[in-house]
């Protein structure tokens, strides 16, 4: 489920930052394709025990930063980033409890 402000999805009670909704659709699609390709490369490197693991993980990180899921926040109102925090310990606790 997505928080009312659209900044996070809640997975098993934890907040995960969503991608920037202001990204153009074609840009978002290209970045998601790169992210999925990079994740497949991570999996392949883990299976093969290859030395490409660090490169694949860097690709994942770069794609997630470009999507807005990591790095500087994409919103402009000065609210802090609560990424990876338990929702019950954030201002979203009341909203989550009502669901």
C-alpha atoms as a PDB file:
ATOM      1  CA  UNK A   1       0.000   0.000   0.000  1.00  0.00           C
ATOM      2  CA  UNK A   2       1.120   3.525  -0.736  1.00  0.00           C
ATOM      3  CA  UNK A   3       1.127   6.317   1.844  1.00  0.00           C
ATOM      4  CA  UNK A   4      -1.439   9.085   1.296  1.00  0.00           C
ATOM      5  CA  UNK A   5       1.250  11.486   0.069  1.00  0.00           C
ATOM      6  CA  UNK A   6       2.601   8.912  -2.405  1.00  0.00           C
ATOM      7  CA  UNK A   7       6.149   9.055  -1.052  1.00  0.00           C
ATOM      8  CA  UNK A   8       6.395   5.507   0.266  1.00  0.00           C
ATOM      9  CA  UNK A   9       5.032   2.030  -0.108  1.00  0.00           C
ATOM     10  CA  UNK A  10       4.628  -0.025   3.044  1.00  0.00           C
ATOM     11  CA  UNK A  11       6.000  -3.561   2.899  1.00  0.00           C
ATOM     12  CA  UNK A  12       5.719  -5.672   6.047  1.00  0.00           C
ATOM     13  CA  UNK A  13       5.377  -2.492   8.087  1.00  0.00           C
ATOM     14  CA  UNK A  14       8.449  -0.802   6.633  1.00  0.00           C
ATOM     15  CA  UNK A  15       8.477   2.349   4.485  1.00  0.00           C
ATOM     16  CA  UNK A  16      10.205   2.170   1.094  1.00  0.00           C
ATOM     17  CA  UNK A  17      10.550   5.312  -0.992  1.00  0.00           C
ATOM     18  CA  UNK A  18       8.637   5.316  -4.274  1.00  0.00           C
ATOM     19  CA  UNK A  19      10.055   6.554  -7.529  1.00  0.00           C
ATOM     20  CA  UNK A  20       9.624  10.164  -8.519  1.00  0.00           C
ATOM     21  CA  UNK A  21       6.113  10.568  -9.983  1.00  0.00           C
ATOM     22  CA  UNK A  22       7.274  13.562 -12.031  1.00  0.00           C
ATOM     23  CA  UNK A  23       9.568  11.439 -14.209  1.00  0.00           C
ATOM     24  CA  UNK A  24       8.341  11.230 -17.804  1.00  0.00           C
ATOM     25  CA  UNK A  25       6.873   7.799 -18.596  1.00  0.00           C
ATOM     26  CA  UNK A  26       9.499   6.955 -21.221  1.00  0.00           C
ATOM     27  CA  UNK A  27      12.317   7.870 -18.819  1.00  0.00           C
ATOM     28  CA  UNK A  28      10.741   5.824 -16.027  1.00  0.00           C
ATOM     29  CA  UNK A  29      10.308   2.816 -18.312  1.00  0.00           C
ATOM     30  CA  UNK A  30      13.935   2.994 -19.443  1.00  0.00           C
ATOM     31  CA  UNK A  31      15.173   3.278 -15.847  1.00  0.00           C
ATOM     32  CA  UNK A  32      12.991   0.390 -14.662  1.00  0.00           C
ATOM     33  CA  UNK A  33      14.297  -1.738 -17.544  1.00  0.00           C
ATOM     34  CA  UNK A  34      17.867  -0.896 -16.526  1.00  0.00           C
ATOM     35  CA  UNK A  35      17.071  -1.664 -12.879  1.00  0.00           C
ATOM     36  CA  UNK A  36      15.643  -5.075 -13.765  1.00  0.00           C
ATOM     37  CA  UNK A  37      18.625  -5.833 -16.009  1.00  0.00           C
ATOM     38  CA  UNK A  38      21.015  -4.830 -13.231  1.00  0.00           C
ATOM     39  CA  UNK A  39      19.161  -7.013 -10.722  1.00  0.00           C
ATOM     40  CA  UNK A  40      19.427  -9.975 -13.099  1.00  0.00           C
ATOM     41  CA  UNK A  41      23.156  -9.250 -13.373  1.00  0.00           C
ATOM     42  CA  UNK A  42      23.446  -9.293  -9.558  1.00  0.00           C
ATOM     43  CA  UNK A  43      21.672 -12.638  -9.419  1.00  0.00           C
ATOM     44  CA  UNK A  44      23.879 -14.072 -12.165  1.00  0.00           C
ATOM     45  CA  UNK A  45      27.044 -12.857 -10.425  1.00  0.00           C
ATOM     46  CA  UNK A  46      25.908 -14.411  -7.147  1.00  0.00           C
ATOM     47  CA  UNK A  47      25.185 -17.750  -8.841  1.00  0.00           C
ATOM     48  CA  UNK A  48      28.438 -17.753 -10.809  1.00  0.00           C
ATOM     49  CA  UNK A  49      30.558 -16.316  -8.036  1.00  0.00           C
ATOM     50  CA  UNK A  50      31.749 -13.832 -10.644  1.00  0.00           C
ATOM     51  CA  UNK A  51      33.728 -10.705 -10.127  1.00  0.00           C
ATOM     52  CA  UNK A  52      30.984  -8.634 -11.776  1.00  0.00           C
ATOM     53  CA  UNK A  53      28.968  -8.444  -8.562  1.00  0.00           C
ATOM     54  CA  UNK A  54      30.244  -5.008  -7.542  1.00  0.00           C
ATOM     55  CA  UNK A  55      29.578  -3.615 -11.012  1.00  0.00           C
ATOM     56  CA  UNK A  56      26.058  -5.060 -11.047  1.00  0.00           C
ATOM     57  CA  UNK A  57      25.293  -3.633  -7.618  1.00  0.00           C
ATOM     58  CA  UNK A  58      26.542  -0.221  -8.737  1.00  0.00           C
ATOM     59  CA  UNK A  59      24.174  -0.418 -11.705  1.00  0.00           C
ATOM     60  CA  UNK A  60      21.266  -1.163  -9.350  1.00  0.00           C
ATOM     61  CA  UNK A  61      22.227   1.775  -7.148  1.00  0.00           C
ATOM     62  CA  UNK A  62      22.549   4.194 -10.082  1.00  0.00           C
ATOM     63  CA  UNK A  63      19.141   3.159 -11.451  1.00  0.00           C
ATOM     64  CA  UNK A  64      17.483   3.529  -8.043  1.00  0.00           C
ATOM     65  CA  UNK A  65      19.040   6.984  -7.579  1.00  0.00           C
ATOM     66  CA  UNK A  66      17.855   8.043 -11.043  1.00  0.00           C
ATOM     67  CA  UNK A  67      14.349   6.800 -10.215  1.00  0.00           C
ATOM     68  CA  UNK A  68      14.368   8.773  -6.957  1.00  0.00           C
ATOM     69  CA  UNK A  69      14.194   5.717  -4.714  1.00  0.00           C
ATOM     70  CA  UNK A  70      17.610   6.516  -3.229  1.00  0.00           C
ATOM     71  CA  UNK A  71      19.731   9.624  -2.945  1.00  0.00           C
ATOM     72  CA  UNK A  72      18.220  13.078  -2.585  1.00  0.00           C
ATOM     73  CA  UNK A  73      14.474  13.125  -2.000  1.00  0.00           C
ATOM     74  CA  UNK A  74      12.286  14.100  -4.934  1.00  0.00           C
ATOM     75  CA  UNK A  75       9.805  16.175  -2.919  1.00  0.00           C
ATOM     76  CA  UNK A  76      10.461  19.841  -2.242  1.00  0.00           C
ATOM     77  CA  UNK A  77       8.615  20.605   1.009  1.00  0.00           C
ATOM     78  CA  UNK A  78      11.538  19.919   3.335  1.00  0.00           C
ATOM     79  CA  UNK A  79      10.033  16.805   4.955  1.00  0.00           C
ATOM     80  CA  UNK A  80      12.687  14.281   6.052  1.00  0.00           C
ATOM     81  CA  UNK A  81      13.349  11.004   4.305  1.00  0.00           C
ATOM     82  CA  UNK A  82      11.907   8.105   6.300  1.00  0.00           C
ATOM     83  CA  UNK A  83      13.042   5.410   3.873  1.00  0.00           C
ATOM     84  CA  UNK A  84      13.464   1.952   5.431  1.00  0.00           C
ATOM     85  CA  UNK A  85      11.975   2.990   8.771  1.00  0.00           C
ATOM     86  CA  UNK A  86       9.216   1.070  10.465  1.00  0.00           C
ATOM     87  CA  UNK A  87       5.994   2.928   9.705  1.00  0.00           C
ATOM     88  CA  UNK A  88       4.787   2.569  13.306  1.00  0.00           C
ATOM     89  CA  UNK A  89       7.707   4.777  14.397  1.00  0.00           C
ATOM     90  CA  UNK A  90       6.939   7.582  11.946  1.00  0.00           C
ATOM     91  CA  UNK A  91       4.243  10.212  11.383  1.00  0.00           C
ATOM     92  CA  UNK A  92       2.462   7.565   9.260  1.00  0.00           C
ATOM     93  CA  UNK A  93       1.692   5.419  12.338  1.00  0.00           C
ATOM     94  CA  UNK A  94      -1.859   6.720  12.850  1.00  0.00           C
ATOM     95  CA  UNK A  95      -2.689   6.360   9.160  1.00  0.00           C
ATOM     96  CA  UNK A  96      -1.397   2.775   9.135  1.00  0.00           C
ATOM     97  CA  UNK A  97      -3.272   1.867  12.341  1.00  0.00           C
ATOM     98  CA  UNK A  98      -6.575   2.952  10.784  1.00  0.00           C
ATOM     99  CA  UNK A  99      -6.205   0.550   7.845  1.00  0.00           C
END
